[in-house]
């Protein structure tokens, strides 16, 4: 079964490539009708995320967006970056949780 990982959340997708493509395209088309009730513009990025499983160009866009937003999110909202899975990495590549400015520094 295919799934998409967004931060530290995992979203399962249908096993059928045709079903994933259909859902992604339907969400994008529905997003363009976002001015109507129930449908919304939020459907466009969700459709692109679902399509990124099967379409290499969209996968590349998703990865570039993730690489672009990660450092900015860590710089401005480290607690949110930690919650979403964009944790800081030390020189060994191991992630370490965010420590607020008010918390005492404890030696490791």
PDB file of N, CA and C in Angstrom:
ATOM      1  N   UNK A   1       0.836  -1.182   0.000  1.00  0.00           N
ATOM      2  CA  UNK A   1       0.000   0.000   0.000  1.00  0.00           C
ATOM      3  C   UNK A   1       0.882   1.247   0.000  1.00  0.00           C
ATOM      4  N   UNK A   2       0.550   2.194  -0.828  1.00  0.00           N
ATOM      5  CA  UNK A   2       1.287   3.440  -0.920  1.00  0.00           C
ATOM      6  C   UNK A   2       0.838   4.394   0.168  1.00  0.00           C
ATOM      7  N   UNK A   3       1.738   5.282   0.557  1.00  0.00           N
ATOM      8  CA  UNK A   3       1.390   6.304   1.530  1.00  0.00           C
ATOM      9  C   UNK A   3       2.273   7.518   1.294  1.00  0.00           C
ATOM     10  N   UNK A   4       1.817   8.641   1.819  1.00  0.00           N
ATOM     11  CA  UNK A   4       2.566   9.889   1.726  1.00  0.00           C
ATOM     12  C   UNK A   4       2.894  10.316   3.136  1.00  0.00           C
ATOM     13  N   UNK A   5       4.134  10.730   3.346  1.00  0.00           N
ATOM     14  CA  UNK A   5       4.533  11.218   4.655  1.00  0.00           C
ATOM     15  C   UNK A   5       4.628  12.736   4.583  1.00  0.00           C
ATOM     16  N   UNK A   6       3.826  13.402   5.396  1.00  0.00           N
ATOM     17  CA  UNK A   6       3.834  14.859   5.502  1.00  0.00           C
ATOM     18  C   UNK A   6       4.293  15.217   6.902  1.00  0.00           C
ATOM     19  N   UNK A   7       5.537  15.654   7.007  1.00  0.00           N
ATOM     20  CA  UNK A   7       6.090  15.895   8.333  1.00  0.00           C
ATOM     21  C   UNK A   7       6.240  14.570   9.042  1.00  0.00           C
ATOM     22  N   UNK A   8       5.587  14.432  10.187  1.00  0.00           N
ATOM     23  CA  UNK A   8       5.644  13.149  10.887  1.00  0.00           C
ATOM     24  C   UNK A   8       4.310  12.419  10.814  1.00  0.00           C
ATOM     25  N   UNK A   9       3.435  12.831   9.932  1.00  0.00           N
ATOM     26  CA  UNK A   9       2.143  12.173   9.715  1.00  0.00           C
ATOM     27  C   UNK A   9       2.218  11.343   8.430  1.00  0.00           C
ATOM     28  N   UNK A  10       1.567  10.187   8.436  1.00  0.00           N
ATOM     29  CA  UNK A  10       1.527   9.329   7.260  1.00  0.00           C
ATOM     30  C   UNK A  10       0.086   9.183   6.801  1.00  0.00           C
ATOM     31  N   UNK A  11      -0.136   9.383   5.505  1.00  0.00           N
ATOM     32  CA  UNK A  11      -1.472   9.305   4.940  1.00  0.00           C
ATOM     33  C   UNK A  11      -1.505   8.140   3.945  1.00  0.00           C
ATOM     34  N   UNK A  12      -2.342   7.126   4.184  1.00  0.00           N
ATOM     35  CA  UNK A  12      -2.411   5.994   3.250  1.00  0.00           C
ATOM     36  C   UNK A  12      -3.117   6.387   1.959  1.00  0.00           C
ATOM     37  N   UNK A  13      -2.704   5.781   0.867  1.00  0.00           N
ATOM     38  CA  UNK A  13      -3.292   6.017  -0.447  1.00  0.00           C
ATOM     39  C   UNK A  13      -3.722   4.685  -1.045  1.00  0.00           C
ATOM     40  N   UNK A  14      -4.610   4.721  -2.033  1.00  0.00           N
ATOM     41  CA  UNK A  14      -5.004   3.468  -2.689  1.00  0.00           C
ATOM     42  C   UNK A  14      -3.807   2.790  -3.348  1.00  0.00           C
ATOM     43  N   UNK A  15      -3.857   1.478  -3.439  1.00  0.00           N
ATOM     44  CA  UNK A  15      -2.767   0.722  -4.053  1.00  0.00           C
ATOM     45  C   UNK A  15      -2.747   0.894  -5.576  1.00  0.00           C
ATOM     46  N   UNK A  16      -3.883   1.161  -6.163  1.00  0.00           N
ATOM     47  CA  UNK A  16      -3.988   1.291  -7.609  1.00  0.00           C
ATOM     48  C   UNK A  16      -3.464   2.649  -8.084  1.00  0.00           C
ATOM     49  N   UNK A  17      -2.550   2.592  -9.041  1.00  0.00           N
ATOM     50  CA  UNK A  17      -2.002   3.833  -9.602  1.00  0.00           C
ATOM     51  C   UNK A  17      -3.099   4.641 -10.275  1.00  0.00           C
ATOM     52  N   UNK A  18      -4.000   3.978 -10.967  1.00  0.00           N
ATOM     53  CA  UNK A  18      -5.096   4.663 -11.646  1.00  0.00           C
ATOM     54  C   UNK A  18      -6.005   5.391 -10.650  1.00  0.00           C
ATOM     55  N   UNK A  19      -6.283   4.758  -9.521  1.00  0.00           N
ATOM     56  CA  UNK A  19      -7.118   5.395  -8.497  1.00  0.00           C
ATOM     57  C   UNK A  19      -6.420   6.618  -7.907  1.00  0.00           C
ATOM     58  N   UNK A  20      -5.106   6.509  -7.640  1.00  0.00           N
ATOM     59  CA  UNK A  20      -4.365   7.662  -7.106  1.00  0.00           C
ATOM     60  C   UNK A  20      -4.365   8.818  -8.093  1.00  0.00           C
ATOM     61  N   UNK A  21      -4.146   8.499  -9.369  1.00  0.00           N
ATOM     62  CA  UNK A  21      -4.139   9.543 -10.396  1.00  0.00           C
ATOM     63  C   UNK A  21      -5.523  10.189 -10.505  1.00  0.00           C
ATOM     64  N   UNK A  22      -6.559   9.374 -10.466  1.00  0.00           N
ATOM     65  CA  UNK A  22      -7.921   9.903 -10.544  1.00  0.00           C
ATOM     66  C   UNK A  22      -8.259  10.806  -9.374  1.00  0.00           C
ATOM     67  N   UNK A  23      -7.888  10.388  -8.161  1.00  0.00           N
ATOM     68  CA  UNK A  23      -8.151  11.202  -6.974  1.00  0.00           C
ATOM     69  C   UNK A  23      -7.378  12.518  -7.045  1.00  0.00           C
ATOM     70  N   UNK A  24      -6.112  12.457  -7.437  1.00  0.00           N
ATOM     71  CA  UNK A  24      -5.291  13.667  -7.537  1.00  0.00           C
ATOM     72  C   UNK A  24      -5.841  14.648  -8.553  1.00  0.00           C
ATOM     73  N   UNK A  25      -6.205  14.153  -9.725  1.00  0.00           N
ATOM     74  CA  UNK A  25      -6.745  15.031 -10.772  1.00  0.00           C
ATOM     75  C   UNK A  25      -8.101  15.594 -10.359  1.00  0.00           C
ATOM     76  N   UNK A  26      -8.940  14.760  -9.731  1.00  0.00           N
ATOM     77  CA  UNK A  26     -10.253  15.245  -9.276  1.00  0.00           C
ATOM     78  C   UNK A  26     -10.099  16.337  -8.217  1.00  0.00           C
ATOM     79  N   UNK A  27      -9.146  16.172  -7.304  1.00  0.00           N
ATOM     80  CA  UNK A  27      -8.923  17.202  -6.287  1.00  0.00           C
ATOM     81  C   UNK A  27      -8.434  18.509  -6.908  1.00  0.00           C
ATOM     82  N   UNK A  28      -7.551  18.419  -7.888  1.00  0.00           N
ATOM     83  CA  UNK A  28      -7.052  19.631  -8.547  1.00  0.00           C
ATOM     84  C   UNK A  28      -8.177  20.326  -9.297  1.00  0.00           C
ATOM     85  N   UNK A  29      -8.953  19.576 -10.050  1.00  0.00           N
ATOM     86  CA  UNK A  29     -10.073  20.183 -10.787  1.00  0.00           C
ATOM     87  C   UNK A  29     -11.113  20.760  -9.828  1.00  0.00           C
ATOM     88  N   UNK A  30     -11.396  20.061  -8.743  1.00  0.00           N
ATOM     89  CA  UNK A  30     -12.328  20.582  -7.743  1.00  0.00           C
ATOM     90  C   UNK A  30     -11.789  21.837  -7.072  1.00  0.00           C
ATOM     91  N   UNK A  31     -10.479  21.913  -6.913  1.00  0.00           N
ATOM     92  CA  UNK A  31      -9.862  23.098  -6.310  1.00  0.00           C
ATOM     93  C   UNK A  31     -10.008  24.335  -7.166  1.00  0.00           C
ATOM     94  N   UNK A  32     -10.054  24.151  -8.476  1.00  0.00           N
ATOM     95  CA  UNK A  32     -10.250  25.307  -9.356  1.00  0.00           C
ATOM     96  C   UNK A  32     -11.665  25.863  -9.243  1.00  0.00           C
ATOM     97  N   UNK A  33     -12.566  25.076  -8.678  1.00  0.00           N
ATOM     98  CA  UNK A  33     -13.931  25.541  -8.417  1.00  0.00           C
ATOM     99  C   UNK A  33     -14.070  25.929  -6.951  1.00  0.00           C
ATOM    100  N   UNK A  34     -13.003  26.437  -6.374  1.00  0.00           N
ATOM    101  CA  UNK A  34     -12.956  26.735  -4.959  1.00  0.00           C
ATOM    102  C   UNK A  34     -13.911  27.803  -4.492  1.00  0.00           C
ATOM    103  N   UNK A  35     -14.431  28.578  -5.395  1.00  0.00           N
ATOM    104  CA  UNK A  35     -15.370  29.628  -5.001  1.00  0.00           C
ATOM    105  C   UNK A  35     -16.750  29.049  -4.686  1.00  0.00           C
ATOM    106  N   UNK A  36     -16.982  27.797  -5.039  1.00  0.00           N
ATOM    107  CA  UNK A  36     -18.259  27.149  -4.743  1.00  0.00           C
ATOM    108  C   UNK A  36     -18.257  26.592  -3.317  1.00  0.00           C
ATOM    109  N   UNK A  37     -19.444  26.440  -2.725  1.00  0.00           N
ATOM    110  CA  UNK A  37     -19.479  25.850  -1.378  1.00  0.00           C
ATOM    111  C   UNK A  37     -18.938  24.413  -1.388  1.00  0.00           C
ATOM    112  N   UNK A  38     -18.362  23.993  -0.308  1.00  0.00           N
ATOM    113  CA  UNK A  38     -17.784  22.674  -0.050  1.00  0.00           C
ATOM    114  C   UNK A  38     -16.443  22.503  -0.765  1.00  0.00           C
ATOM    115  N   UNK A  39     -16.368  22.846  -2.024  1.00  0.00           N
ATOM    116  CA  UNK A  39     -15.086  22.761  -2.719  1.00  0.00           C
ATOM    117  C   UNK A  39     -14.229  23.927  -2.243  1.00  0.00           C
ATOM    118  N   UNK A  40     -12.933  23.766  -2.294  1.00  0.00           N
ATOM    119  CA  UNK A  40     -12.065  24.839  -1.828  1.00  0.00           C
ATOM    120  C   UNK A  40     -10.723  24.808  -2.518  1.00  0.00           C
ATOM    121  N   UNK A  41     -10.002  25.907  -2.385  1.00  0.00           N
ATOM    122  CA  UNK A  41      -8.695  26.015  -3.009  1.00  0.00           C
ATOM    123  C   UNK A  41      -7.670  25.111  -2.320  1.00  0.00           C
ATOM    124  N   UNK A  42      -7.989  24.611  -1.128  1.00  0.00           N
ATOM    125  CA  UNK A  42      -7.112  23.685  -0.422  1.00  0.00           C
ATOM    126  C   UNK A  42      -6.964  22.367  -1.177  1.00  0.00           C
ATOM    127  N   UNK A  43      -7.871  22.114  -2.096  1.00  0.00           N
ATOM    128  CA  UNK A  43      -7.849  20.843  -2.823  1.00  0.00           C
ATOM    129  C   UNK A  43      -6.714  20.782  -3.850  1.00  0.00           C
ATOM    130  N   UNK A  44      -6.262  21.933  -4.349  1.00  0.00           N
ATOM    131  CA  UNK A  44      -5.198  21.948  -5.364  1.00  0.00           C
ATOM    132  C   UNK A  44      -3.889  21.401  -4.794  1.00  0.00           C
ATOM    133  N   UNK A  45      -3.370  21.936  -3.665  1.00  0.00           N
ATOM    134  CA  UNK A  45      -2.119  21.355  -3.163  1.00  0.00           C
ATOM    135  C   UNK A  45      -2.266  19.905  -2.719  1.00  0.00           C
ATOM    136  N   UNK A  46      -3.414  19.539  -2.178  1.00  0.00           N
ATOM    137  CA  UNK A  46      -3.621  18.145  -1.781  1.00  0.00           C
ATOM    138  C   UNK A  46      -3.594  17.227  -3.011  1.00  0.00           C
ATOM    139  N   UNK A  47      -4.213  17.661  -4.095  1.00  0.00           N
ATOM    140  CA  UNK A  47      -4.172  16.886  -5.332  1.00  0.00           C
ATOM    141  C   UNK A  47      -2.760  16.748  -5.877  1.00  0.00           C
ATOM    142  N   UNK A  48      -1.978  17.827  -5.791  1.00  0.00           N
ATOM    143  CA  UNK A  48      -0.590  17.766  -6.249  1.00  0.00           C
ATOM    144  C   UNK A  48       0.235  16.831  -5.377  1.00  0.00           C
ATOM    145  N   UNK A  49      -0.025  16.833  -4.076  1.00  0.00           N
ATOM    146  CA  UNK A  49       0.704  15.929  -3.184  1.00  0.00           C
ATOM    147  C   UNK A  49       0.389  14.477  -3.528  1.00  0.00           C
ATOM    148  N   UNK A  50      -0.873  14.183  -3.804  1.00  0.00           N
ATOM    149  CA  UNK A  50      -1.250  12.812  -4.167  1.00  0.00           C
ATOM    150  C   UNK A  50      -0.646  12.421  -5.515  1.00  0.00           C
ATOM    151  N   UNK A  51      -0.647  13.358  -6.469  1.00  0.00           N
ATOM    152  CA  UNK A  51      -0.037  13.071  -7.772  1.00  0.00           C
ATOM    153  C   UNK A  51       1.473  12.886  -7.660  1.00  0.00           C
ATOM    154  N   UNK A  52       2.096  13.472  -6.641  1.00  0.00           N
ATOM    155  CA  UNK A  52       3.558  13.384  -6.525  1.00  0.00           C
ATOM    156  C   UNK A  52       4.043  11.954  -6.279  1.00  0.00           C
ATOM    157  N   UNK A  53       3.152  11.064  -5.900  1.00  0.00           N
ATOM    158  CA  UNK A  53       3.539   9.663  -5.714  1.00  0.00           C
ATOM    159  C   UNK A  53       3.881   9.029  -7.057  1.00  0.00           C
ATOM    160  N   UNK A  54       3.156   9.418  -8.116  1.00  0.00           N
ATOM    161  CA  UNK A  54       3.300   8.765  -9.412  1.00  0.00           C
ATOM    162  C   UNK A  54       3.928   9.632 -10.505  1.00  0.00           C
ATOM    163  N   UNK A  55       3.950  10.935 -10.336  1.00  0.00           N
ATOM    164  CA  UNK A  55       4.452  11.829 -11.380  1.00  0.00           C
ATOM    165  C   UNK A  55       5.776  12.435 -10.910  1.00  0.00           C
ATOM    166  N   UNK A  56       6.891  12.089 -11.572  1.00  0.00           N
ATOM    167  CA  UNK A  56       8.201  12.549 -11.110  1.00  0.00           C
ATOM    168  C   UNK A  56       8.352  14.070 -11.059  1.00  0.00           C
ATOM    169  N   UNK A  57       7.763  14.792 -11.993  1.00  0.00           N
ATOM    170  CA  UNK A  57       7.887  16.257 -12.001  1.00  0.00           C
ATOM    171  C   UNK A  57       7.235  16.844 -10.753  1.00  0.00           C
ATOM    172  N   UNK A  58       6.063  16.377 -10.410  1.00  0.00           N
ATOM    173  CA  UNK A  58       5.360  16.874  -9.228  1.00  0.00           C
ATOM    174  C   UNK A  58       6.087  16.441  -7.961  1.00  0.00           C
ATOM    175  N   UNK A  59       6.665  15.245  -7.973  1.00  0.00           N
ATOM    176  CA  UNK A  59       7.451  14.771  -6.831  1.00  0.00           C
ATOM    177  C   UNK A  59       8.641  15.695  -6.594  1.00  0.00           C
ATOM    178  N   UNK A  60       9.290  16.114  -7.679  1.00  0.00           N
ATOM    179  CA  UNK A  60      10.421  17.028  -7.575  1.00  0.00           C
ATOM    180  C   UNK A  60       9.980  18.358  -6.977  1.00  0.00           C
ATOM    181  N   UNK A  61       8.825  18.890  -7.403  1.00  0.00           N
ATOM    182  CA  UNK A  61       8.299  20.155  -6.849  1.00  0.00           C
ATOM    183  C   UNK A  61       8.030  20.015  -5.361  1.00  0.00           C
ATOM    184  N   UNK A  62       7.444  18.875  -4.958  1.00  0.00           N
ATOM    185  CA  UNK A  62       7.130  18.652  -3.547  1.00  0.00           C
ATOM    186  C   UNK A  62       8.412  18.607  -2.727  1.00  0.00           C
ATOM    187  N   UNK A  63       9.421  17.914  -3.223  1.00  0.00           N
ATOM    188  CA  UNK A  63      10.685  17.809  -2.499  1.00  0.00           C
ATOM    189  C   UNK A  63      11.372  19.164  -2.406  1.00  0.00           C
ATOM    190  N   UNK A  64      11.365  19.942  -3.493  1.00  0.00           N
ATOM    191  CA  UNK A  64      11.976  21.269  -3.471  1.00  0.00           C
ATOM    192  C   UNK A  64      11.258  22.177  -2.472  1.00  0.00           C
ATOM    193  N   UNK A  65       9.937  22.081  -2.420  1.00  0.00           N
ATOM    194  CA  UNK A  65       9.179  22.891  -1.458  1.00  0.00           C
ATOM    195  C   UNK A  65       9.515  22.478  -0.032  1.00  0.00           C
ATOM    196  N   UNK A  66       9.665  21.190   0.198  1.00  0.00           N
ATOM    197  CA  UNK A  66      10.006  20.701   1.532  1.00  0.00           C
ATOM    198  C   UNK A  66      11.399  21.174   1.947  1.00  0.00           C
ATOM    199  N   UNK A  67      12.348  21.110   1.037  1.00  0.00           N
ATOM    200  CA  UNK A  67      13.705  21.562   1.335  1.00  0.00           C
ATOM    201  C   UNK A  67      13.732  23.072   1.538  1.00  0.00           C
ATOM    202  N   UNK A  68      12.910  23.802   0.813  1.00  0.00           N
ATOM    203  CA  UNK A  68      12.877  25.258   0.929  1.00  0.00           C
ATOM    204  C   UNK A  68      12.232  25.694   2.245  1.00  0.00           C
ATOM    205  N   UNK A  69      11.138  25.046   2.632  1.00  0.00           N
ATOM    206  CA  UNK A  69      10.397  25.496   3.811  1.00  0.00           C
ATOM    207  C   UNK A  69      11.020  25.020   5.117  1.00  0.00           C
ATOM    208  N   UNK A  70      11.735  23.908   5.111  1.00  0.00           N
ATOM    209  CA  UNK A  70      12.300  23.353   6.338  1.00  0.00           C
ATOM    210  C   UNK A  70      13.159  24.325   7.129  1.00  0.00           C
ATOM    211  N   UNK A  71      14.215  24.888   6.558  1.00  0.00           N
ATOM    212  CA  UNK A  71      15.058  25.821   7.318  1.00  0.00           C
ATOM    213  C   UNK A  71      14.316  27.089   7.734  1.00  0.00           C
ATOM    214  N   UNK A  72      13.425  27.578   6.899  1.00  0.00           N
ATOM    215  CA  UNK A  72      12.674  28.781   7.250  1.00  0.00           C
ATOM    216  C   UNK A  72      11.727  28.528   8.413  1.00  0.00           C
ATOM    217  N   UNK A  73      11.107  27.365   8.396  1.00  0.00           N
ATOM    218  CA  UNK A  73      10.203  27.006   9.485  1.00  0.00           C
ATOM    219  C   UNK A  73      10.984  26.804  10.783  1.00  0.00           C
ATOM    220  N   UNK A  74      12.164  26.183  10.689  1.00  0.00           N
ATOM    221  CA  UNK A  74      12.991  25.998  11.885  1.00  0.00           C
ATOM    222  C   UNK A  74      13.473  27.329  12.437  1.00  0.00           C
ATOM    223  N   UNK A  75      13.767  28.292  11.565  1.00  0.00           N
ATOM    224  CA  UNK A  75      14.267  29.587  12.017  1.00  0.00           C
ATOM    225  C   UNK A  75      13.169  30.418  12.681  1.00  0.00           C
ATOM    226  N   UNK A  76      11.961  30.388  12.142  1.00  0.00           N
ATOM    227  CA  UNK A  76      10.900  31.258  12.656  1.00  0.00           C
ATOM    228  C   UNK A  76      10.029  30.590  13.721  1.00  0.00           C
ATOM    229  N   UNK A  77       9.696  29.336  13.520  1.00  0.00           N
ATOM    230  CA  UNK A  77       8.799  28.616  14.423  1.00  0.00           C
ATOM    231  C   UNK A  77       9.388  27.238  14.744  1.00  0.00           C
ATOM    232  N   UNK A  78      10.432  27.183  15.556  1.00  0.00           N
ATOM    233  CA  UNK A  78      11.082  25.886  15.796  1.00  0.00           C
ATOM    234  C   UNK A  78      10.164  24.854  16.441  1.00  0.00           C
ATOM    235  N   UNK A  79       9.261  25.266  17.303  1.00  0.00           N
ATOM    236  CA  UNK A  79       8.337  24.319  17.939  1.00  0.00           C
ATOM    237  C   UNK A  79       7.414  23.698  16.906  1.00  0.00           C
ATOM    238  N   UNK A  80       6.981  24.488  15.906  1.00  0.00           N
ATOM    239  CA  UNK A  80       6.112  23.969  14.855  1.00  0.00           C
ATOM    240  C   UNK A  80       6.905  23.052  13.920  1.00  0.00           C
ATOM    241  N   UNK A  81       8.133  23.447  13.612  1.00  0.00           N
ATOM    242  CA  UNK A  81       8.987  22.612  12.761  1.00  0.00           C
ATOM    243  C   UNK A  81       9.233  21.263  13.423  1.00  0.00           C
ATOM    244  N   UNK A  82       9.442  21.262  14.725  1.00  0.00           N
ATOM    245  CA  UNK A  82       9.650  20.017  15.452  1.00  0.00           C
ATOM    246  C   UNK A  82       8.385  19.165  15.429  1.00  0.00           C
ATOM    247  N   UNK A  83       7.246  19.805  15.591  1.00  0.00           N
ATOM    248  CA  UNK A  83       5.964  19.084  15.583  1.00  0.00           C
ATOM    249  C   UNK A  83       5.657  18.488  14.207  1.00  0.00           C
ATOM    250  N   UNK A  84       6.040  19.196  13.141  1.00  0.00           N
ATOM    251  CA  UNK A  84       5.752  18.738  11.781  1.00  0.00           C
ATOM    252  C   UNK A  84       6.812  17.792  11.226  1.00  0.00           C
ATOM    253  N   UNK A  85       7.884  17.585  11.964  1.00  0.00           N
ATOM    254  CA  UNK A  85       8.896  16.638  11.510  1.00  0.00           C
ATOM    255  C   UNK A  85      10.095  17.277  10.854  1.00  0.00           C
ATOM    256  N   UNK A  86      10.244  18.589  10.938  1.00  0.00           N
ATOM    257  CA  UNK A  86      11.412  19.277  10.408  1.00  0.00           C
ATOM    258  C   UNK A  86      12.386  19.554  11.549  1.00  0.00           C
ATOM    259  N   UNK A  87      12.748  18.530  12.307  1.00  0.00           N
ATOM    260  CA  UNK A  87      13.600  18.699  13.480  1.00  0.00           C
ATOM    261  C   UNK A  87      15.010  19.080  13.054  1.00  0.00           C
ATOM    262  N   UNK A  88      15.723  19.742  13.954  1.00  0.00           N
ATOM    263  CA  UNK A  88      17.115  20.098  13.701  1.00  0.00           C
ATOM    264  C   UNK A  88      17.955  18.840  13.664  1.00  0.00           C
ATOM    265  N   UNK A  89      19.006  18.863  12.871  1.00  0.00           N
ATOM    266  CA  UNK A  89      19.922  17.725  12.814  1.00  0.00           C
ATOM    267  C   UNK A  89      21.292  18.193  13.273  1.00  0.00           C
ATOM    268  N   UNK A  90      21.962  17.378  14.065  1.00  0.00           N
ATOM    269  CA  UNK A  90      23.307  17.739  14.495  1.00  0.00           C
ATOM    270  C   UNK A  90      24.317  17.265  13.456  1.00  0.00           C
ATOM    271  N   UNK A  91      25.595  17.377  13.778  1.00  0.00           N
ATOM    272  CA  UNK A  91      26.635  17.045  12.800  1.00  0.00           C
ATOM    273  C   UNK A  91      26.636  15.565  12.423  1.00  0.00           C
ATOM    274  N   UNK A  92      26.087  14.708  13.280  1.00  0.00           N
ATOM    275  CA  UNK A  92      26.019  13.279  12.980  1.00  0.00           C
ATOM    276  C   UNK A  92      24.797  12.922  12.151  1.00  0.00           C
ATOM    277  N   UNK A  93      23.918  13.891  11.897  1.00  0.00           N
ATOM    278  CA  UNK A  93      22.697  13.629  11.147  1.00  0.00           C
ATOM    279  C   UNK A  93      21.550  13.175  12.024  1.00  0.00           C
ATOM    280  N   UNK A  94      21.787  13.099  13.349  1.00  0.00           N
ATOM    281  CA  UNK A  94      20.726  12.706  14.265  1.00  0.00           C
ATOM    282  C   UNK A  94      19.878  13.922  14.607  1.00  0.00           C
ATOM    283  N   UNK A  95      18.582  13.720  14.696  1.00  0.00           N
ATOM    284  CA  UNK A  95      17.704  14.841  15.011  1.00  0.00           C
ATOM    285  C   UNK A  95      17.656  15.056  16.507  1.00  0.00           C
ATOM    286  N   UNK A  96      17.500  16.306  16.885  1.00  0.00           N
ATOM    287  CA  UNK A  96      17.359  16.642  18.290  1.00  0.00           C
ATOM    288  C   UNK A  96      16.132  17.521  18.450  1.00  0.00           C
ATOM    289  N   UNK A  97      15.388  17.356  19.505  1.00  0.00           N
ATOM    290  CA  UNK A  97      14.172  18.132  19.689  1.00  0.00           C
ATOM    291  C   UNK A  97      14.468  19.590  19.973  1.00  0.00           C
ATOM    292  N   UNK A  98      13.487  20.412  19.729  1.00  0.00           N
ATOM    293  CA  UNK A  98      13.595  21.843  19.990  1.00  0.00           C
ATOM    294  C   UNK A  98      13.576  22.090  21.493  1.00  0.00           C
ATOM    295  N   UNK A  99      14.441  22.953  21.936  1.00  0.00           N
ATOM    296  CA  UNK A  99      14.461  23.371  23.338  1.00  0.00           C
ATOM    297  C   UNK A  99      14.140  24.853  23.379  1.00  0.00           C
ATOM    298  N   UNK A 100      13.138  25.231  24.129  1.00  0.00           N
ATOM    299  CA  UNK A 100      12.739  26.640  24.176  1.00  0.00           C
ATOM    300  C   UNK A 100      13.813  27.452  24.887  1.00  0.00           C
ATOM    301  N   UNK A 101      13.752  28.747  24.707  1.00  0.00           N
ATOM    302  CA  UNK A 101      14.733  29.630  25.334  1.00  0.00           C
ATOM    303  C   UNK A 101      14.604  29.622  26.852  1.00  0.00           C
ATOM    304  N   UNK A 102      13.440  29.320  27.346  1.00  0.00           N
ATOM    305  CA  UNK A 102      13.194  29.340  28.785  1.00  0.00           C
ATOM    306  C   UNK A 102      13.624  28.058  29.484  1.00  0.00           C
ATOM    307  N   UNK A 103      13.839  27.001  28.733  1.00  0.00           N
ATOM    308  CA  UNK A 103      14.201  25.742  29.380  1.00  0.00           C
ATOM    309  C   UNK A 103      15.682  25.763  29.743  1.00  0.00           C
ATOM    310  N   UNK A 104      16.014  25.187  30.887  1.00  0.00           N
ATOM    311  CA  UNK A 104      17.429  25.185  31.300  1.00  0.00           C
ATOM    312  C   UNK A 104      18.239  24.262  30.391  1.00  0.00           C
ATOM    313  N   UNK A 105      19.457  24.661  30.155  1.00  0.00           N
ATOM    314  CA  UNK A 105      20.358  23.832  29.353  1.00  0.00           C
ATOM    315  C   UNK A 105      20.856  22.686  30.216  1.00  0.00           C
ATOM    316  N   UNK A 106      20.655  21.497  29.741  1.00  0.00           N
ATOM    317  CA  UNK A 106      21.132  20.328  30.477  1.00  0.00           C
ATOM    318  C   UNK A 106      22.259  19.693  29.678  1.00  0.00           C
ATOM    319  N   UNK A 107      23.345  19.361  30.338  1.00  0.00           N
ATOM    320  CA  UNK A 107      24.436  18.708  29.591  1.00  0.00           C
ATOM    321  C   UNK A 107      24.030  17.323  29.134  1.00  0.00           C
ATOM    322  N   UNK A 108      24.494  16.966  27.958  1.00  0.00           N
ATOM    323  CA  UNK A 108      24.157  15.644  27.397  1.00  0.00           C
ATOM    324  C   UNK A 108      25.112  14.589  27.874  1.00  0.00           C
TER     325      UNK A 108
END
